[in-house]
Amino acid sequence: MLKCRPPSEHTRLNHLVFLSGILLVTLAGCTQRPMTWNERTAEYDQAFLVDGRTDRRIIFRDVGNPNGKMTLLFVHGLLGSKVQWVFVAPEFRDDYRIVMVDLLGHGGSSKPDDCDYSMSMQAGILRKLILELDLSDLVLVGASYGGGTALELAHDLCISSDRDRLRGVVLLGPAGLHFKPSGAHAFVRSSLWRNLIAALISGPALAQLTLESCYHNDKAIADELLLDHSVRLSDAHARHIGGIAGAQIFTELDARGDAEYRYQDITCPVLIVWGAQDEIVPRKVFTNLHELLPNSTTAEINDCGHAPMFERPGATAAHIRRFVQELQAAP
């Protein structure tokens, strides 16, 4: 007759560890990851129909403190969306109203083929949105293509009867003055190359390349940002429209090169933020803008490429907060 010995203490301990491990793995599989701020606030997305047109549908998110003393309007860059601000905007949610917009042709907004995607056109749409929402005590925060758009919008507001709505402007690596595209970005001007890229490069690959060009340290690319870009750029039509918008940036900057003096009409305070290692928009744009804008200050962020809002969000938010607090303290 076979006799079974009772398990030793060591064996019982091993069994306990083994069973605990199974329990932990099971619980981990049942536990969902925490929702991101973008996911938690997605329910606040709204639609604005430009001139009542269903093919000009603009998606924006209105969050933060509705009773805040100021409203921050965030404007993203080329091929981006309002998700580009998820690492900066939450820093202001308790104190200010936050409006983040998907520009026409980007994010969840309409992407019509028969459309002008210039920064001037985007500024005109944003002005209509500002009037629709009756925004005042407004601070425009724009990056790259969105920075050029914010610059145009600020100019339009400052020379109009709506000038009192605008309190200040923050520009992050703005595509605001004429410059020649360098490296791979020069290809955006060729319709042949744009069409080849849209047809042959997958959404995730283009998202990776785009974000790497914006970062100084491309190993710091946030998973949430890469996922958002990958999903949106998996749509071939979105890639096509993004290419058209990219080409129009340089066509527009070329055309208005002799009229840059207009920006001297922007008399409200302007903060220009630059990544010290920006390889997309040259430093001369930074210095020339500072000379042109009569009430501008500058801030440079080290170890940072073209997009401070997602490579160095903490430093970026600190500069914006200091600027906004100075606006509040001004008489």
C-alpha atoms as a PDB file:
ATOM      1  CA  MET A   1       0.000   0.000   0.000  1.00  0.00           C
ATOM      2  CA  LEU A   2       1.387   3.347  -1.067  1.00  0.00           C
ATOM      3  CA  LYS A   3       1.832   5.828   1.743  1.00  0.00           C
ATOM      4  CA  CYS A   4       1.697   9.566   1.083  1.00  0.00           C
ATOM      5  CA  ARG A   5       3.844  11.776   3.255  1.00  0.00           C
ATOM      6  CA  PRO A   6       2.479  15.122   4.322  1.00  0.00           C
ATOM      7  CA  PRO A   7       4.049  18.000   2.346  1.00  0.00           C
ATOM      8  CA  SER A   8       7.001  19.752   3.928  1.00  0.00           C
ATOM      9  CA  GLU A   9       6.915  23.402   4.924  1.00  0.00           C
ATOM     10  CA  HIS A  10       9.070  24.221   1.894  1.00  0.00           C
ATOM     11  CA  THR A  11       6.666  22.428  -0.446  1.00  0.00           C
ATOM     12  CA  ARG A  12       3.639  24.130   1.094  1.00  0.00           C
ATOM     13  CA  LEU A  13       5.352  27.500   0.653  1.00  0.00           C
ATOM     14  CA  ASN A  14       6.057  26.764  -3.014  1.00  0.00           C
ATOM     15  CA  HIS A  15       2.419  25.799  -3.556  1.00  0.00           C
ATOM     16  CA  LEU A  16       1.285  29.029  -1.909  1.00  0.00           C
ATOM     17  CA  VAL A  17       3.577  31.137  -4.088  1.00  0.00           C
ATOM     18  CA  PHE A  18       2.412  29.281  -7.183  1.00  0.00           C
ATOM     19  CA  LEU A  19      -1.282  29.763  -6.362  1.00  0.00           C
ATOM     20  CA  SER A  20      -0.709  33.432  -5.492  1.00  0.00           C
ATOM     21  CA  GLY A  21       0.982  33.931  -8.847  1.00  0.00           C
ATOM     22  CA  ILE A  22      -2.000  32.423 -10.657  1.00  0.00           C
ATOM     23  CA  LEU A  23      -4.329  34.705  -8.714  1.00  0.00           C
ATOM     24  CA  LEU A  24      -2.286  37.795  -9.575  1.00  0.00           C
ATOM     25  CA  VAL A  25      -2.135  36.920 -13.258  1.00  0.00           C
ATOM     26  CA  THR A  26      -5.877  36.322 -13.277  1.00  0.00           C
ATOM     27  CA  LEU A  27      -6.599  39.607 -11.566  1.00  0.00           C
ATOM     28  CA  ALA A  28      -4.228  41.458 -13.892  1.00  0.00           C
ATOM     29  CA  GLY A  29      -6.061  40.054 -16.868  1.00  0.00           C
ATOM     30  CA  CYS A  30      -9.361  41.251 -15.471  1.00  0.00           C
ATOM     31  CA  THR A  31      -8.151  44.720 -14.571  1.00  0.00           C
ATOM     32  CA  GLN A  32      -8.452  47.399 -17.216  1.00  0.00           C
ATOM     33  CA  ARG A  33      -5.732  50.026 -17.618  1.00  0.00           C
ATOM     34  CA  PRO A  34      -6.612  53.461 -16.210  1.00  0.00           C
ATOM     35  CA  MET A  35      -8.389  55.686 -18.707  1.00  0.00           C
ATOM     36  CA  THR A  36      -6.330  58.497 -20.159  1.00  0.00           C
ATOM     37  CA  TRP A  37      -7.392  62.125 -19.721  1.00  0.00           C
ATOM     38  CA  ASN A  38      -8.304  62.198 -23.404  1.00  0.00           C
ATOM     39  CA  GLU A  39     -10.621  59.211 -22.958  1.00  0.00           C
ATOM     40  CA  ARG A  40     -12.158  60.583 -19.770  1.00  0.00           C
ATOM     41  CA  THR A  41     -13.019  63.901 -21.418  1.00  0.00           C
ATOM     42  CA  ALA A  42     -14.123  62.556 -24.823  1.00  0.00           C
ATOM     43  CA  GLU A  43     -17.753  62.916 -23.752  1.00  0.00           C
ATOM     44  CA  TYR A  44     -17.292  66.687 -23.915  1.00  0.00           C
ATOM     45  CA  ASP A  45     -16.667  66.650 -27.663  1.00  0.00           C
ATOM     46  CA  GLN A  46     -19.017  68.906 -29.612  1.00  0.00           C
ATOM     47  CA  ALA A  47     -19.529  69.745 -33.277  1.00  0.00           C
ATOM     48  CA  PHE A  48     -19.598  73.146 -34.950  1.00  0.00           C
ATOM     49  CA  LEU A  49     -20.891  73.415 -38.515  1.00  0.00           C
ATOM     50  CA  VAL A  50     -19.048  76.185 -40.314  1.00  0.00           C
ATOM     51  CA  ASP A  51     -21.654  78.347 -42.042  1.00  0.00           C
ATOM     52  CA  GLY A  52     -24.146  75.559 -41.298  1.00  0.00           C
ATOM     53  CA  ARG A  53     -22.430  73.166 -43.730  1.00  0.00           C
ATOM     54  CA  THR A  54     -22.366  69.484 -42.826  1.00  0.00           C
ATOM     55  CA  ASP A  55     -19.185  69.029 -44.894  1.00  0.00           C
ATOM     56  CA  ARG A  56     -17.433  71.652 -42.758  1.00  0.00           C
ATOM     57  CA  ARG A  57     -17.906  69.970 -39.388  1.00  0.00           C
ATOM     58  CA  ILE A  58     -15.416  71.012 -36.701  1.00  0.00           C
ATOM     59  CA  ILE A  59     -14.985  68.864 -33.587  1.00  0.00           C
ATOM     60  CA  PHE A  60     -13.936  70.666 -30.420  1.00  0.00           C
ATOM     61  CA  ARG A  61     -13.761  69.814 -26.744  1.00  0.00           C
ATOM     62  CA  ASP A  62     -14.918  72.308 -24.122  1.00  0.00           C
ATOM     63  CA  VAL A  63     -13.617  71.289 -20.674  1.00  0.00           C
ATOM     64  CA  GLY A  64     -12.002  72.726 -17.568  1.00  0.00           C
ATOM     65  CA  ASN A  65     -13.533  75.344 -15.319  1.00  0.00           C
ATOM     66  CA  PRO A  66     -16.481  77.025 -17.088  1.00  0.00           C
ATOM     67  CA  ASN A  67     -16.229  79.896 -14.583  1.00  0.00           C
ATOM     68  CA  GLY A  68     -12.500  80.381 -15.053  1.00  0.00           C
ATOM     69  CA  LYS A  69     -11.283  83.937 -15.483  1.00  0.00           C
ATOM     70  CA  MET A  70      -9.743  83.110 -18.839  1.00  0.00           C
ATOM     71  CA  THR A  71     -10.297  80.706 -21.723  1.00  0.00           C
ATOM     72  CA  LEU A  72      -7.382  78.867 -23.310  1.00  0.00           C
ATOM     73  CA  LEU A  73      -7.974  77.875 -26.957  1.00  0.00           C
ATOM     74  CA  PHE A  74      -5.489  75.169 -27.981  1.00  0.00           C
ATOM     75  CA  VAL A  75      -4.640  74.764 -31.699  1.00  0.00           C
ATOM     76  CA  HIS A  76      -2.649  71.682 -32.768  1.00  0.00           C
ATOM     77  CA  GLY A  77      -0.056  71.184 -35.503  1.00  0.00           C
ATOM     78  CA  LEU A  78      -0.062  69.535 -38.930  1.00  0.00           C
ATOM     79  CA  LEU A  79      -1.298  65.894 -39.025  1.00  0.00           C
ATOM     80  CA  GLY A  80      -2.279  66.290 -35.389  1.00  0.00           C
ATOM     81  CA  SER A  81      -5.447  66.670 -33.373  1.00  0.00           C
ATOM     82  CA  LYS A  82      -6.523  67.977 -29.989  1.00  0.00           C
ATOM     83  CA  VAL A  83      -4.875  64.889 -28.489  1.00  0.00           C
ATOM     84  CA  GLN A  84      -1.547  66.698 -28.923  1.00  0.00           C
ATOM     85  CA  TRP A  85      -2.503  68.785 -25.881  1.00  0.00           C
ATOM     86  CA  VAL A  86      -3.378  65.989 -23.447  1.00  0.00           C
ATOM     87  CA  PHE A  87      -0.105  66.373 -21.540  1.00  0.00           C
ATOM     88  CA  VAL A  88      -0.459  70.153 -21.121  1.00  0.00           C
ATOM     89  CA  ALA A  89      -4.168  71.052 -21.039  1.00  0.00           C
ATOM     90  CA  PRO A  90      -4.989  69.085 -17.833  1.00  0.00           C
ATOM     91  CA  GLU A  91      -2.597  71.367 -15.934  1.00  0.00           C
ATOM     92  CA  PHE A  92      -5.102  74.205 -16.416  1.00  0.00           C
ATOM     93  CA  ARG A  93      -8.423  72.401 -15.959  1.00  0.00           C
ATOM     94  CA  ASP A  94      -9.076  73.646 -12.409  1.00  0.00           C
ATOM     95  CA  ASP A  95      -8.481  77.330 -13.094  1.00  0.00           C
ATOM     96  CA  TYR A  96      -9.448  78.045 -16.694  1.00  0.00           C
ATOM     97  CA  ARG A  97     -11.906  77.107 -19.380  1.00  0.00           C
ATOM     98  CA  ILE A  98     -10.194  74.916 -21.969  1.00  0.00           C
ATOM     99  CA  VAL A  99     -11.255  74.622 -25.597  1.00  0.00           C
ATOM    100  CA  MET A 100      -9.303  72.198 -27.803  1.00  0.00           C
ATOM    101  CA  VAL A 101     -10.163  72.007 -31.471  1.00  0.00           C
ATOM    102  CA  ASP A 102      -9.568  69.602 -34.356  1.00  0.00           C
ATOM    103  CA  LEU A 103      -8.749  71.855 -37.293  1.00  0.00           C
ATOM    104  CA  LEU A 104     -10.563  71.221 -40.572  1.00  0.00           C
ATOM    105  CA  GLY A 105      -8.953  68.226 -42.293  1.00  0.00           C
ATOM    106  CA  HIS A 106      -7.617  66.871 -38.992  1.00  0.00           C
ATOM    107  CA  GLY A 107      -8.702  64.614 -36.147  1.00  0.00           C
ATOM    108  CA  GLY A 108     -12.457  64.058 -36.049  1.00  0.00           C
ATOM    109  CA  SER A 109     -13.294  67.113 -38.169  1.00  0.00           C
ATOM    110  CA  SER A 110     -14.435  66.970 -41.803  1.00  0.00           C
ATOM    111  CA  LYS A 111     -11.840  66.376 -44.494  1.00  0.00           C
ATOM    112  CA  PRO A 112     -13.335  67.760 -47.711  1.00  0.00           C
ATOM    113  CA  ASP A 113     -11.354  67.509 -50.949  1.00  0.00           C
ATOM    114  CA  ASP A 114     -12.524  70.853 -52.326  1.00  0.00           C
ATOM    115  CA  CYS A 115     -11.049  73.005 -49.596  1.00  0.00           C
ATOM    116  CA  ASP A 116      -8.336  75.518 -48.861  1.00  0.00           C
ATOM    117  CA  TYR A 117      -6.271  74.265 -45.908  1.00  0.00           C
ATOM    118  CA  SER A 118      -4.187  77.396 -45.472  1.00  0.00           C
ATOM    119  CA  MET A 119      -3.524  78.765 -42.013  1.00  0.00           C
ATOM    120  CA  SER A 120      -5.494  81.886 -42.938  1.00  0.00           C
ATOM    121  CA  MET A 121      -8.520  79.752 -43.763  1.00  0.00           C
ATOM    122  CA  GLN A 122      -8.200  77.841 -40.493  1.00  0.00           C
ATOM    123  CA  ALA A 123      -7.981  81.167 -38.636  1.00  0.00           C
ATOM    124  CA  GLY A 124     -11.221  82.284 -40.265  1.00  0.00           C
ATOM    125  CA  ILE A 125     -12.974  79.133 -39.059  1.00  0.00           C
ATOM    126  CA  LEU A 126     -11.656  79.555 -35.522  1.00  0.00           C
ATOM    127  CA  ARG A 127     -12.856  83.148 -35.446  1.00  0.00           C
ATOM    128  CA  LYS A 128     -16.363  81.939 -36.301  1.00  0.00           C
ATOM    129  CA  LEU A 129     -16.116  79.345 -33.528  1.00  0.00           C
ATOM    130  CA  ILE A 130     -15.023  82.029 -31.045  1.00  0.00           C
ATOM    131  CA  LEU A 131     -18.052  84.134 -31.935  1.00  0.00           C
ATOM    132  CA  GLU A 132     -20.371  81.111 -31.815  1.00  0.00           C
ATOM    133  CA  LEU A 133     -19.179  80.222 -28.307  1.00  0.00           C
ATOM    134  CA  ASP A 134     -18.933  83.908 -27.338  1.00  0.00           C
ATOM    135  CA  LEU A 135     -15.413  83.396 -25.978  1.00  0.00           C
ATOM    136  CA  SER A 136     -13.743  86.308 -24.212  1.00  0.00           C
ATOM    137  CA  ASP A 137     -10.671  86.812 -22.026  1.00  0.00           C
ATOM    138  CA  LEU A 138      -9.117  84.521 -24.585  1.00  0.00           C
ATOM    139  CA  VAL A 139      -5.570  83.181 -24.765  1.00  0.00           C
ATOM    140  CA  LEU A 140      -4.654  81.464 -28.040  1.00  0.00           C
ATOM    141  CA  VAL A 141      -2.157  78.602 -27.712  1.00  0.00           C
ATOM    142  CA  GLY A 142      -0.927  77.294 -31.073  1.00  0.00           C
ATOM    143  CA  ALA A 143       1.868  74.947 -32.138  1.00  0.00           C
ATOM    144  CA  SER A 144       3.626  74.756 -35.529  1.00  0.00           C
ATOM    145  CA  TYR A 145       0.872  74.874 -38.215  1.00  0.00           C
ATOM    146  CA  GLY A 146      -1.478  75.735 -35.355  1.00  0.00           C
ATOM    147  CA  GLY A 147       0.944  78.456 -34.290  1.00  0.00           C
ATOM    148  CA  GLY A 148       0.806  80.004 -37.752  1.00  0.00           C
ATOM    149  CA  THR A 149      -2.975  79.743 -37.571  1.00  0.00           C
ATOM    150  CA  ALA A 150      -3.033  81.403 -34.134  1.00  0.00           C
ATOM    151  CA  LEU A 151      -0.803  84.193 -35.454  1.00  0.00           C
ATOM    152  CA  GLU A 152      -3.210  84.892 -38.329  1.00  0.00           C
ATOM    153  CA  LEU A 153      -6.197  84.722 -35.993  1.00  0.00           C
ATOM    154  CA  ALA A 154      -4.580  87.118 -33.524  1.00  0.00           C
ATOM    155  CA  HIS A 155      -3.907  89.579 -36.338  1.00  0.00           C
ATOM    156  CA  ASP A 156      -7.492  89.366 -37.588  1.00  0.00           C
ATOM    157  CA  LEU A 157      -8.899  89.904 -34.098  1.00  0.00           C
ATOM    158  CA  CYS A 158      -6.548  92.771 -33.265  1.00  0.00           C
ATOM    159  CA  ILE A 159      -7.623  94.832 -36.282  1.00  0.00           C
ATOM    160  CA  SER A 160     -11.326  94.148 -35.786  1.00  0.00           C
ATOM    161  CA  SER A 161     -14.113  95.138 -33.433  1.00  0.00           C
ATOM    162  CA  ASP A 162     -13.509  91.820 -31.604  1.00  0.00           C
ATOM    163  CA  ARG A 163     -10.049  92.877 -30.403  1.00  0.00           C
ATOM    164  CA  ASP A 164     -11.176  93.043 -26.766  1.00  0.00           C
ATOM    165  CA  ARG A 165     -11.895  89.321 -26.747  1.00  0.00           C
ATOM    166  CA  LEU A 166      -8.169  88.548 -27.008  1.00  0.00           C
ATOM    167  CA  ARG A 167      -5.897  88.801 -23.962  1.00  0.00           C
ATOM    168  CA  GLY A 168      -2.757  87.076 -25.221  1.00  0.00           C
ATOM    169  CA  VAL A 169      -1.134  84.520 -27.519  1.00  0.00           C
ATOM    170  CA  VAL A 170       1.281  81.622 -26.924  1.00  0.00           C
ATOM    171  CA  LEU A 171       3.170  80.326 -29.975  1.00  0.00           C
ATOM    172  CA  LEU A 172       5.097  77.041 -29.821  1.00  0.00           C
ATOM    173  CA  GLY A 173       7.529  76.562 -32.704  1.00  0.00           C
ATOM    174  CA  PRO A 174       5.145  78.484 -34.989  1.00  0.00           C
ATOM    175  CA  ALA A 175       5.199  78.171 -38.762  1.00  0.00           C
ATOM    176  CA  GLY A 176       4.560  81.891 -38.854  1.00  0.00           C
ATOM    177  CA  LEU A 177       7.189  83.398 -41.162  1.00  0.00           C
ATOM    178  CA  HIS A 178       8.720  82.347 -44.459  1.00  0.00           C
ATOM    179  CA  PHE A 179      11.338  79.575 -44.349  1.00  0.00           C
ATOM    180  CA  LYS A 180      12.524  76.829 -46.658  1.00  0.00           C
ATOM    181  CA  PRO A 181      11.609  73.295 -45.655  1.00  0.00           C
ATOM    182  CA  SER A 182      14.610  71.062 -45.080  1.00  0.00           C
ATOM    183  CA  GLY A 183      15.265  67.362 -45.465  1.00  0.00           C
ATOM    184  CA  ALA A 184      12.251  65.095 -45.860  1.00  0.00           C
ATOM    185  CA  HIS A 185       9.864  68.007 -45.292  1.00  0.00           C
ATOM    186  CA  ALA A 186      10.858  69.489 -48.657  1.00  0.00           C
ATOM    187  CA  PHE A 187       9.085  66.584 -50.385  1.00  0.00           C
ATOM    188  CA  VAL A 188       5.707  67.796 -49.096  1.00  0.00           C
ATOM    189  CA  ARG A 189       5.709  70.456 -51.815  1.00  0.00           C
ATOM    190  CA  SER A 190       5.648  67.814 -54.552  1.00  0.00           C
ATOM    191  CA  SER A 191       2.218  66.313 -55.292  1.00  0.00           C
ATOM    192  CA  LEU A 192       3.953  63.229 -56.728  1.00  0.00           C
ATOM    193  CA  TRP A 193       5.837  62.555 -53.512  1.00  0.00           C
ATOM    194  CA  ARG A 194       2.788  63.337 -51.372  1.00  0.00           C
ATOM    195  CA  ASN A 195       0.674  60.846 -53.315  1.00  0.00           C
ATOM    196  CA  LEU A 196       3.387  58.176 -53.121  1.00  0.00           C
ATOM    197  CA  ILE A 197       3.707  58.641 -49.367  1.00  0.00           C
ATOM    198  CA  ALA A 198      -0.069  58.490 -48.884  1.00  0.00           C
ATOM    199  CA  ALA A 199      -0.274  55.320 -50.992  1.00  0.00           C
ATOM    200  CA  LEU A 200       2.809  53.394 -49.889  1.00  0.00           C
ATOM    201  CA  ILE A 201       3.486  54.270 -46.253  1.00  0.00           C
ATOM    202  CA  SER A 202       1.204  52.781 -43.628  1.00  0.00           C
ATOM    203  CA  GLY A 203      -0.481  54.897 -40.999  1.00  0.00           C
ATOM    204  CA  PRO A 204       1.638  53.578 -38.095  1.00  0.00           C
ATOM    205  CA  ALA A 205       4.858  54.032 -40.096  1.00  0.00           C
ATOM    206  CA  LEU A 206       3.969  57.607 -41.050  1.00  0.00           C
ATOM    207  CA  ALA A 207       2.951  58.347 -37.445  1.00  0.00           C
ATOM    208  CA  GLN A 208       6.323  57.082 -36.214  1.00  0.00           C
ATOM    209  CA  LEU A 209       8.255  59.110 -38.797  1.00  0.00           C
ATOM    210  CA  THR A 210       6.220  62.253 -38.134  1.00  0.00           C
ATOM    211  CA  LEU A 211       6.655  62.124 -34.375  1.00  0.00           C
ATOM    212  CA  GLU A 212      10.351  61.258 -34.610  1.00  0.00           C
ATOM    213  CA  SER A 213      10.897  64.405 -36.680  1.00  0.00           C
ATOM    214  CA  CYS A 214       9.204  66.467 -33.946  1.00  0.00           C
ATOM    215  CA  TYR A 215      11.172  65.033 -31.033  1.00  0.00           C
ATOM    216  CA  HIS A 216      14.767  65.704 -30.036  1.00  0.00           C
ATOM    217  CA  ASN A 217      14.798  62.412 -28.136  1.00  0.00           C
ATOM    218  CA  ASP A 218      12.651  60.124 -30.268  1.00  0.00           C
ATOM    219  CA  LYS A 219      12.796  57.390 -27.625  1.00  0.00           C
ATOM    220  CA  ALA A 220      10.590  59.620 -25.454  1.00  0.00           C
ATOM    221  CA  ILE A 221       7.570  59.395 -27.781  1.00  0.00           C
ATOM    222  CA  ALA A 222       4.496  58.764 -25.627  1.00  0.00           C
ATOM    223  CA  ASP A 223       2.510  55.598 -26.398  1.00  0.00           C
ATOM    224  CA  GLU A 224      -0.806  57.473 -26.213  1.00  0.00           C
ATOM    225  CA  LEU A 225       0.356  59.998 -28.789  1.00  0.00           C
ATOM    226  CA  LEU A 226       1.772  57.370 -31.135  1.00  0.00           C
ATOM    227  CA  LEU A 227      -1.417  55.309 -30.934  1.00  0.00           C
ATOM    228  CA  ASP A 228      -3.622  58.309 -31.723  1.00  0.00           C
ATOM    229  CA  HIS A 229      -1.502  59.324 -34.721  1.00  0.00           C
ATOM    230  CA  SER A 230      -1.321  55.726 -35.969  1.00  0.00           C
ATOM    231  CA  VAL A 231      -5.084  55.230 -35.865  1.00  0.00           C
ATOM    232  CA  ARG A 232      -5.891  58.506 -37.591  1.00  0.00           C
ATOM    233  CA  LEU A 233      -3.188  58.200 -40.251  1.00  0.00           C
ATOM    234  CA  SER A 234      -4.294  54.665 -41.108  1.00  0.00           C
ATOM    235  CA  ASP A 235      -7.000  56.417 -43.126  1.00  0.00           C
ATOM    236  CA  ALA A 236      -5.501  57.030 -46.593  1.00  0.00           C
ATOM    237  CA  HIS A 237      -7.783  60.029 -47.140  1.00  0.00           C
ATOM    238  CA  ALA A 238      -6.532  61.631 -43.908  1.00  0.00           C
ATOM    239  CA  ARG A 239      -2.945  61.156 -45.113  1.00  0.00           C
ATOM    240  CA  HIS A 240      -3.857  62.717 -48.461  1.00  0.00           C
ATOM    241  CA  ILE A 241      -5.496  65.780 -46.872  1.00  0.00           C
ATOM    242  CA  GLY A 242      -2.605  66.150 -44.436  1.00  0.00           C
ATOM    243  CA  GLY A 243      -0.189  66.273 -47.358  1.00  0.00           C
ATOM    244  CA  ILE A 244      -2.238  68.973 -49.070  1.00  0.00           C
ATOM    245  CA  ALA A 245      -2.303  71.049 -45.876  1.00  0.00           C
ATOM    246  CA  GLY A 246       1.451  70.618 -45.486  1.00  0.00           C
ATOM    247  CA  ALA A 247       2.104  71.878 -49.014  1.00  0.00           C
ATOM    248  CA  GLN A 248      -0.183  74.860 -48.493  1.00  0.00           C
ATOM    249  CA  ILE A 249       1.837  75.960 -45.455  1.00  0.00           C
ATOM    250  CA  PHE A 250       4.814  76.783 -47.658  1.00  0.00           C
ATOM    251  CA  THR A 251       2.731  78.171 -50.523  1.00  0.00           C
ATOM    252  CA  GLU A 252       1.089  80.533 -48.054  1.00  0.00           C
ATOM    253  CA  LEU A 253       4.332  81.553 -46.336  1.00  0.00           C
ATOM    254  CA  ASP A 254       5.901  82.251 -49.744  1.00  0.00           C
ATOM    255  CA  ALA A 255       2.944  84.361 -50.849  1.00  0.00           C
ATOM    256  CA  ARG A 256       2.813  86.570 -47.770  1.00  0.00           C
ATOM    257  CA  GLY A 257       6.570  86.897 -47.268  1.00  0.00           C
ATOM    258  CA  ASP A 258       6.485  90.602 -48.161  1.00  0.00           C
ATOM    259  CA  ALA A 259       3.540  91.267 -45.854  1.00  0.00           C
ATOM    260  CA  GLU A 260       4.965  89.948 -42.589  1.00  0.00           C
ATOM    261  CA  TYR A 261       5.050  93.514 -41.245  1.00  0.00           C
ATOM    262  CA  ARG A 262       1.272  93.079 -40.692  1.00  0.00           C
ATOM    263  CA  TYR A 263       2.000  91.210 -37.497  1.00  0.00           C
ATOM    264  CA  GLN A 264       3.096  94.477 -35.905  1.00  0.00           C
ATOM    265  CA  ASP A 265      -0.651  95.062 -35.523  1.00  0.00           C
ATOM    266  CA  ILE A 266      -0.724  92.314 -32.881  1.00  0.00           C
ATOM    267  CA  THR A 267      -0.367  94.523 -29.830  1.00  0.00           C
ATOM    268  CA  CYS A 268      -1.507  92.075 -27.152  1.00  0.00           C
ATOM    269  CA  PRO A 269       1.154  90.170 -25.147  1.00  0.00           C
ATOM    270  CA  VAL A 270       2.673  87.228 -27.033  1.00  0.00           C
ATOM    271  CA  LEU A 271       4.859  84.445 -25.636  1.00  0.00           C
ATOM    272  CA  ILE A 272       7.030  82.624 -28.197  1.00  0.00           C
ATOM    273  CA  VAL A 273       8.283  79.228 -26.990  1.00  0.00           C
ATOM    274  CA  TRP A 274      11.009  77.388 -28.868  1.00  0.00           C
ATOM    275  CA  GLY A 275      12.586  73.962 -28.561  1.00  0.00           C
ATOM    276  CA  ALA A 276      16.346  74.511 -28.582  1.00  0.00           C
ATOM    277  CA  GLN A 277      16.815  71.493 -30.881  1.00  0.00           C
ATOM    278  CA  ASP A 278      13.955  72.262 -33.284  1.00  0.00           C
ATOM    279  CA  GLU A 279      14.995  70.881 -36.703  1.00  0.00           C
ATOM    280  CA  ILE A 280      11.797  71.761 -38.567  1.00  0.00           C
ATOM    281  CA  VAL A 281      11.278  75.515 -38.159  1.00  0.00           C
ATOM    282  CA  PRO A 282      14.616  77.382 -38.193  1.00  0.00           C
ATOM    283  CA  ARG A 283      15.730  79.638 -35.359  1.00  0.00           C
ATOM    284  CA  LYS A 284      15.521  82.746 -37.540  1.00  0.00           C
ATOM    285  CA  VAL A 285      11.715  82.463 -37.444  1.00  0.00           C
ATOM    286  CA  PHE A 286      11.914  82.603 -33.649  1.00  0.00           C
ATOM    287  CA  THR A 287      14.145  85.688 -33.579  1.00  0.00           C
ATOM    288  CA  ASN A 288      12.389  87.504 -36.442  1.00  0.00           C
ATOM    289  CA  LEU A 289       8.968  87.001 -34.876  1.00  0.00           C
ATOM    290  CA  HIS A 290      10.236  88.405 -31.605  1.00  0.00           C
ATOM    291  CA  GLU A 291      11.490  91.490 -33.451  1.00  0.00           C
ATOM    292  CA  LEU A 292       8.213  91.893 -35.372  1.00  0.00           C
ATOM    293  CA  LEU A 293       5.759  91.505 -32.509  1.00  0.00           C
ATOM    294  CA  PRO A 294       5.831  94.693 -30.418  1.00  0.00           C
ATOM    295  CA  ASN A 295       4.739  93.085 -27.133  1.00  0.00           C
ATOM    296  CA  SER A 296       6.449  89.693 -27.269  1.00  0.00           C
ATOM    297  CA  THR A 297       8.594  87.714 -24.860  1.00  0.00           C
ATOM    298  CA  THR A 298      10.462  84.482 -25.497  1.00  0.00           C
ATOM    299  CA  ALA A 299      11.248  81.220 -23.755  1.00  0.00           C
ATOM    300  CA  GLU A 300      13.571  78.483 -24.948  1.00  0.00           C
ATOM    301  CA  ILE A 301      13.339  74.887 -23.733  1.00  0.00           C
ATOM    302  CA  ASN A 302      16.513  72.803 -23.812  1.00  0.00           C
ATOM    303  CA  ASP A 303      16.646  69.141 -24.855  1.00  0.00           C
ATOM    304  CA  CYS A 304      13.510  69.701 -26.889  1.00  0.00           C
ATOM    305  CA  GLY A 305      12.625  69.483 -30.560  1.00  0.00           C
ATOM    306  CA  HIS A 306       9.793  70.990 -32.561  1.00  0.00           C
ATOM    307  CA  ALA A 307       6.895  70.103 -30.264  1.00  0.00           C
ATOM    308  CA  PRO A 308       7.451  71.223 -26.659  1.00  0.00           C
ATOM    309  CA  MET A 309       3.866  70.420 -25.675  1.00  0.00           C
ATOM    310  CA  PHE A 310       4.491  66.690 -25.845  1.00  0.00           C
ATOM    311  CA  GLU A 311       8.267  66.344 -25.508  1.00  0.00           C
ATOM    312  CA  ARG A 312       8.618  68.698 -22.524  1.00  0.00           C
ATOM    313  CA  PRO A 313       5.021  69.164 -21.305  1.00  0.00           C
ATOM    314  CA  GLY A 314       5.965  70.118 -17.757  1.00  0.00           C
ATOM    315  CA  ALA A 315       8.256  72.955 -18.822  1.00  0.00           C
ATOM    316  CA  THR A 316       5.778  74.032 -21.488  1.00  0.00           C
ATOM    317  CA  ALA A 317       2.874  74.178 -19.031  1.00  0.00           C
ATOM    318  CA  ALA A 318       5.009  76.147 -16.565  1.00  0.00           C
ATOM    319  CA  HIS A 319       5.824  78.800 -19.196  1.00  0.00           C
ATOM    320  CA  ILE A 320       2.173  79.058 -20.241  1.00  0.00           C
ATOM    321  CA  ARG A 321       0.944  79.306 -16.654  1.00  0.00           C
ATOM    322  CA  ARG A 322       3.428  82.060 -15.809  1.00  0.00           C
ATOM    323  CA  PHE A 323       2.360  83.982 -18.916  1.00  0.00           C
ATOM    324  CA  VAL A 324      -1.358  83.617 -18.165  1.00  0.00           C
ATOM    325  CA  GLN A 325      -0.887  84.637 -14.535  1.00  0.00           C
ATOM    326  CA  GLU A 326       0.939  87.772 -15.699  1.00  0.00           C
ATOM    327  CA  LEU A 327      -1.991  88.541 -17.980  1.00  0.00           C
ATOM    328  CA  GLN A 328      -4.370  88.175 -15.050  1.00  0.00           C
ATOM    329  CA  ALA A 329      -2.275  90.459 -12.874  1.00  0.00           C
ATOM    330  CA  ALA A 330      -2.059  93.179 -15.531  1.00  0.00           C
ATOM    331  CA  PRO A 331      -4.414  96.147 -15.022  1.00  0.00           C
END
